[in-house]
Amino acid sequence: MTQARVMMQARVITQARTQIWVLAVTAVLAVTAAKVQLMGRLDSSKGDRGSQTLEWAIIAGIVCGLALVVALKVTNAVNTHAAQIK
């Protein structure tokens, strides 16, 4: 295997890992922001905030689910391309 090919493989793997980390950090930030909003709404003294809290909980669940789907797709793509490189 040539040195150029090894360097290309290393670059591809590094980019894939970076994308996965960015996705993971984004997911954590989204969940944290949703949690903070939900806690703020739960601490609210107004009685009509319950339905809004439930709506935000559902939205946060959907966002987390979408982040998981994207993470799985990226991981599968990285593994597929890594297998093709080898």
N, C-alpha and C. Protein backbone atom coordinates (compact mmCIF):
# COMPACT_ATOMS: atom_id res chain seq x y z
N MET A 1 0.85 -1.17 0.00
CA MET A 1 0.00 0.00 0.00
C MET A 1 0.89 1.23 0.00
N THR A 2 0.56 2.19 -0.84
CA THR A 2 1.38 3.38 -0.94
C THR A 2 1.12 4.32 0.23
N GLN A 3 2.09 5.19 0.43
CA GLN A 3 1.97 6.14 1.53
C GLN A 3 0.81 7.11 1.28
N ALA A 4 0.59 7.50 0.02
CA ALA A 4 -0.51 8.41 -0.29
C ALA A 4 -1.86 7.77 0.05
N ARG A 5 -1.99 6.49 -0.24
CA ARG A 5 -3.25 5.79 0.06
C ARG A 5 -3.47 5.70 1.57
N VAL A 6 -2.41 5.42 2.31
CA VAL A 6 -2.50 5.36 3.77
C VAL A 6 -2.90 6.72 4.33
N MET A 7 -2.32 7.78 3.79
CA MET A 7 -2.65 9.13 4.26
C MET A 7 -4.11 9.46 3.94
N MET A 8 -4.59 9.05 2.77
CA MET A 8 -5.97 9.31 2.40
C MET A 8 -6.92 8.56 3.33
N GLN A 9 -6.59 7.31 3.63
CA GLN A 9 -7.42 6.54 4.55
C GLN A 9 -7.47 7.19 5.92
N ALA A 10 -6.33 7.63 6.40
CA ALA A 10 -6.26 8.29 7.71
C ALA A 10 -7.10 9.56 7.70
N ARG A 11 -7.05 10.32 6.62
CA ARG A 11 -7.82 11.56 6.51
C ARG A 11 -9.32 11.27 6.52
N VAL A 12 -9.73 10.25 5.77
CA VAL A 12 -11.15 9.89 5.71
C VAL A 12 -11.65 9.44 7.08
N ILE A 13 -10.87 8.62 7.75
CA ILE A 13 -11.26 8.14 9.08
C ILE A 13 -11.34 9.30 10.06
N THR A 14 -10.38 10.21 10.00
CA THR A 14 -10.38 11.37 10.89
C THR A 14 -11.60 12.25 10.64
N GLN A 15 -11.93 12.49 9.37
CA GLN A 15 -13.10 13.29 9.05
C GLN A 15 -14.38 12.63 9.55
N ALA A 16 -14.47 11.32 9.38
CA ALA A 16 -15.66 10.61 9.84
C ALA A 16 -15.80 10.70 11.36
N ARG A 17 -14.70 10.51 12.05
CA ARG A 17 -14.75 10.60 13.52
C ARG A 17 -15.12 12.00 13.96
N THR A 18 -14.61 13.01 13.27
CA THR A 18 -14.94 14.39 13.60
C THR A 18 -16.42 14.65 13.40
N GLN A 19 -16.98 14.15 12.30
CA GLN A 19 -18.41 14.34 12.06
C GLN A 19 -19.25 13.66 13.13
N ILE A 20 -18.83 12.49 13.54
CA ILE A 20 -19.57 11.78 14.59
C ILE A 20 -19.52 12.55 15.90
N TRP A 21 -18.35 13.10 16.23
CA TRP A 21 -18.23 13.89 17.46
C TRP A 21 -19.08 15.14 17.40
N VAL A 22 -19.09 15.80 16.25
CA VAL A 22 -19.91 17.01 16.10
C VAL A 22 -21.38 16.66 16.26
N LEU A 23 -21.80 15.57 15.68
CA LEU A 23 -23.18 15.13 15.81
C LEU A 23 -23.52 14.80 17.26
N ALA A 24 -22.61 14.12 17.94
CA ALA A 24 -22.85 13.76 19.34
C ALA A 24 -22.95 15.01 20.22
N VAL A 25 -22.07 15.96 20.01
CA VAL A 25 -22.09 17.20 20.80
C VAL A 25 -23.37 17.97 20.52
N THR A 26 -23.79 18.02 19.26
CA THR A 26 -25.03 18.70 18.91
C THR A 26 -26.22 18.06 19.59
N ALA A 27 -26.24 16.74 19.61
CA ALA A 27 -27.34 16.02 20.27
C ALA A 27 -27.35 16.32 21.76
N VAL A 28 -26.19 16.31 22.38
CA VAL A 28 -26.11 16.60 23.82
C VAL A 28 -26.58 18.02 24.11
N LEU A 29 -26.16 18.96 23.27
CA LEU A 29 -26.59 20.35 23.47
C LEU A 29 -28.10 20.50 23.29
N ALA A 30 -28.66 19.81 22.30
CA ALA A 30 -30.11 19.88 22.08
C ALA A 30 -30.87 19.31 23.27
N VAL A 31 -30.41 18.18 23.77
CA VAL A 31 -31.07 17.55 24.92
C VAL A 31 -30.94 18.45 26.15
N THR A 32 -29.78 19.02 26.34
CA THR A 32 -29.56 19.90 27.49
C THR A 32 -30.46 21.13 27.41
N ALA A 33 -30.54 21.73 26.22
CA ALA A 33 -31.41 22.90 26.05
C ALA A 33 -32.86 22.54 26.29
N ALA A 34 -33.29 21.39 25.79
CA ALA A 34 -34.67 20.97 26.01
C ALA A 34 -34.93 20.73 27.49
N LYS A 35 -33.96 20.14 28.17
CA LYS A 35 -34.13 19.88 29.60
C LYS A 35 -34.25 21.18 30.38
N VAL A 36 -33.41 22.16 30.04
CA VAL A 36 -33.47 23.45 30.73
C VAL A 36 -34.82 24.11 30.50
N GLN A 37 -35.30 24.06 29.26
CA GLN A 37 -36.61 24.65 28.99
C GLN A 37 -37.71 23.93 29.75
N LEU A 38 -37.65 22.62 29.77
CA LEU A 38 -38.67 21.86 30.48
C LEU A 38 -38.63 22.14 31.97
N MET A 39 -37.44 22.20 32.53
CA MET A 39 -37.33 22.50 33.97
C MET A 39 -37.86 23.89 34.28
N GLY A 40 -37.58 24.85 33.41
CA GLY A 40 -38.10 26.20 33.61
C GLY A 40 -39.61 26.23 33.55
N ARG A 41 -40.17 25.46 32.65
CA ARG A 41 -41.63 25.44 32.53
C ARG A 41 -42.26 24.70 33.71
N LEU A 42 -41.58 23.67 34.19
CA LEU A 42 -42.10 22.95 35.35
C LEU A 42 -42.07 23.81 36.61
N ASP A 43 -41.05 24.66 36.71
CA ASP A 43 -40.92 25.53 37.88
C ASP A 43 -41.87 26.71 37.83
N SER A 44 -42.47 26.94 36.69
CA SER A 44 -43.38 28.07 36.54
C SER A 44 -44.58 27.90 37.47
N SER A 45 -45.04 28.99 37.99
CA SER A 45 -46.17 28.92 38.92
C SER A 45 -47.52 28.93 38.21
N LYS A 46 -47.53 29.15 36.91
CA LYS A 46 -48.80 29.19 36.18
C LYS A 46 -49.30 27.77 35.94
N GLY A 47 -50.60 27.57 36.09
CA GLY A 47 -51.20 26.26 35.95
C GLY A 47 -51.41 25.82 34.51
N ASP A 48 -51.45 26.74 33.55
CA ASP A 48 -51.72 26.39 32.16
C ASP A 48 -50.45 26.00 31.40
N ARG A 49 -49.35 25.90 32.08
CA ARG A 49 -48.09 25.56 31.43
C ARG A 49 -47.90 24.06 31.23
N GLY A 50 -48.77 23.25 31.81
CA GLY A 50 -48.62 21.80 31.72
C GLY A 50 -48.67 21.28 30.30
N SER A 51 -49.61 21.82 29.51
CA SER A 51 -49.72 21.35 28.12
C SER A 51 -48.51 21.78 27.31
N GLN A 52 -47.98 22.97 27.57
CA GLN A 52 -46.79 23.43 26.86
C GLN A 52 -45.58 22.58 27.24
N THR A 53 -45.50 22.18 28.49
CA THR A 53 -44.40 21.32 28.93
C THR A 53 -44.47 19.97 28.22
N LEU A 54 -45.65 19.44 28.11
CA LEU A 54 -45.83 18.17 27.42
C LEU A 54 -45.43 18.31 25.94
N GLU A 55 -45.82 19.42 25.33
CA GLU A 55 -45.45 19.65 23.94
C GLU A 55 -43.93 19.70 23.78
N TRP A 56 -43.25 20.40 24.68
CA TRP A 56 -41.80 20.49 24.61
C TRP A 56 -41.14 19.13 24.88
N ALA A 57 -41.74 18.34 25.75
CA ALA A 57 -41.20 17.01 26.01
C ALA A 57 -41.31 16.15 24.76
N ILE A 58 -42.42 16.25 24.06
CA ILE A 58 -42.60 15.49 22.83
C ILE A 58 -41.62 15.97 21.76
N ILE A 59 -41.47 17.28 21.63
CA ILE A 59 -40.53 17.83 20.66
C ILE A 59 -39.11 17.39 20.98
N ALA A 60 -38.73 17.43 22.27
CA ALA A 60 -37.39 17.00 22.66
C ALA A 60 -37.18 15.52 22.34
N GLY A 61 -38.21 14.70 22.56
CA GLY A 61 -38.11 13.28 22.23
C GLY A 61 -37.92 13.06 20.74
N ILE A 62 -38.65 13.82 19.93
CA ILE A 62 -38.52 13.70 18.48
C ILE A 62 -37.12 14.13 18.03
N VAL A 63 -36.61 15.23 18.59
CA VAL A 63 -35.27 15.71 18.23
C VAL A 63 -34.22 14.67 18.61
N CYS A 64 -34.35 14.09 19.78
CA CYS A 64 -33.39 13.05 20.21
C CYS A 64 -33.47 11.84 19.29
N GLY A 65 -34.68 11.45 18.91
CA GLY A 65 -34.84 10.33 17.99
C GLY A 65 -34.21 10.61 16.64
N LEU A 66 -34.42 11.82 16.12
CA LEU A 66 -33.81 12.19 14.85
C LEU A 66 -32.28 12.21 14.94
N ALA A 67 -31.76 12.72 16.06
CA ALA A 67 -30.31 12.73 16.24
C ALA A 67 -29.76 11.31 16.26
N LEU A 68 -30.48 10.40 16.88
CA LEU A 68 -30.06 9.01 16.91
C LEU A 68 -30.07 8.40 15.51
N VAL A 69 -31.10 8.68 14.74
CA VAL A 69 -31.18 8.16 13.38
C VAL A 69 -30.03 8.68 12.54
N VAL A 70 -29.74 9.98 12.65
CA VAL A 70 -28.64 10.57 11.88
C VAL A 70 -27.31 9.96 12.32
N ALA A 71 -27.13 9.77 13.62
CA ALA A 71 -25.88 9.16 14.11
C ALA A 71 -25.71 7.75 13.57
N LEU A 72 -26.79 6.98 13.53
CA LEU A 72 -26.72 5.62 13.00
C LEU A 72 -26.40 5.63 11.51
N LYS A 73 -27.02 6.55 10.76
CA LYS A 73 -26.75 6.65 9.32
C LYS A 73 -25.29 7.01 9.07
N VAL A 74 -24.77 7.98 9.84
CA VAL A 74 -23.37 8.40 9.67
C VAL A 74 -22.44 7.25 10.01
N THR A 75 -22.72 6.56 11.10
CA THR A 75 -21.89 5.43 11.50
C THR A 75 -21.89 4.34 10.45
N ASN A 76 -23.06 4.03 9.91
CA ASN A 76 -23.15 3.01 8.87
C ASN A 76 -22.39 3.44 7.61
N ALA A 77 -22.51 4.71 7.24
CA ALA A 77 -21.80 5.21 6.07
C ALA A 77 -20.29 5.14 6.28
N VAL A 78 -19.84 5.51 7.46
CA VAL A 78 -18.40 5.46 7.76
C VAL A 78 -17.91 4.01 7.71
N ASN A 79 -18.65 3.11 8.31
CA ASN A 79 -18.23 1.70 8.30
C ASN A 79 -18.22 1.13 6.89
N THR A 80 -19.21 1.50 6.08
CA THR A 80 -19.27 1.04 4.69
C THR A 80 -18.07 1.55 3.89
N HIS A 81 -17.78 2.82 4.04
CA HIS A 81 -16.67 3.40 3.30
C HIS A 81 -15.32 2.89 3.82
N ALA A 82 -15.24 2.65 5.11
CA ALA A 82 -14.00 2.10 5.66
C ALA A 82 -13.76 0.70 5.11
N ALA A 83 -14.83 -0.09 4.98
CA ALA A 83 -14.69 -1.43 4.42
C ALA A 83 -14.28 -1.37 2.95
N GLN A 84 -14.78 -0.39 2.21
CA GLN A 84 -14.42 -0.24 0.81
C GLN A 84 -12.97 0.19 0.63
N ILE A 85 -12.47 0.98 1.56
CA ILE A 85 -11.09 1.45 1.49
C ILE A 85 -10.13 0.29 1.72
N LYS A 86 -10.46 -0.57 2.67
CA LYS A 86 -9.59 -1.70 2.96
C LYS A 86 -9.58 -2.62 1.79
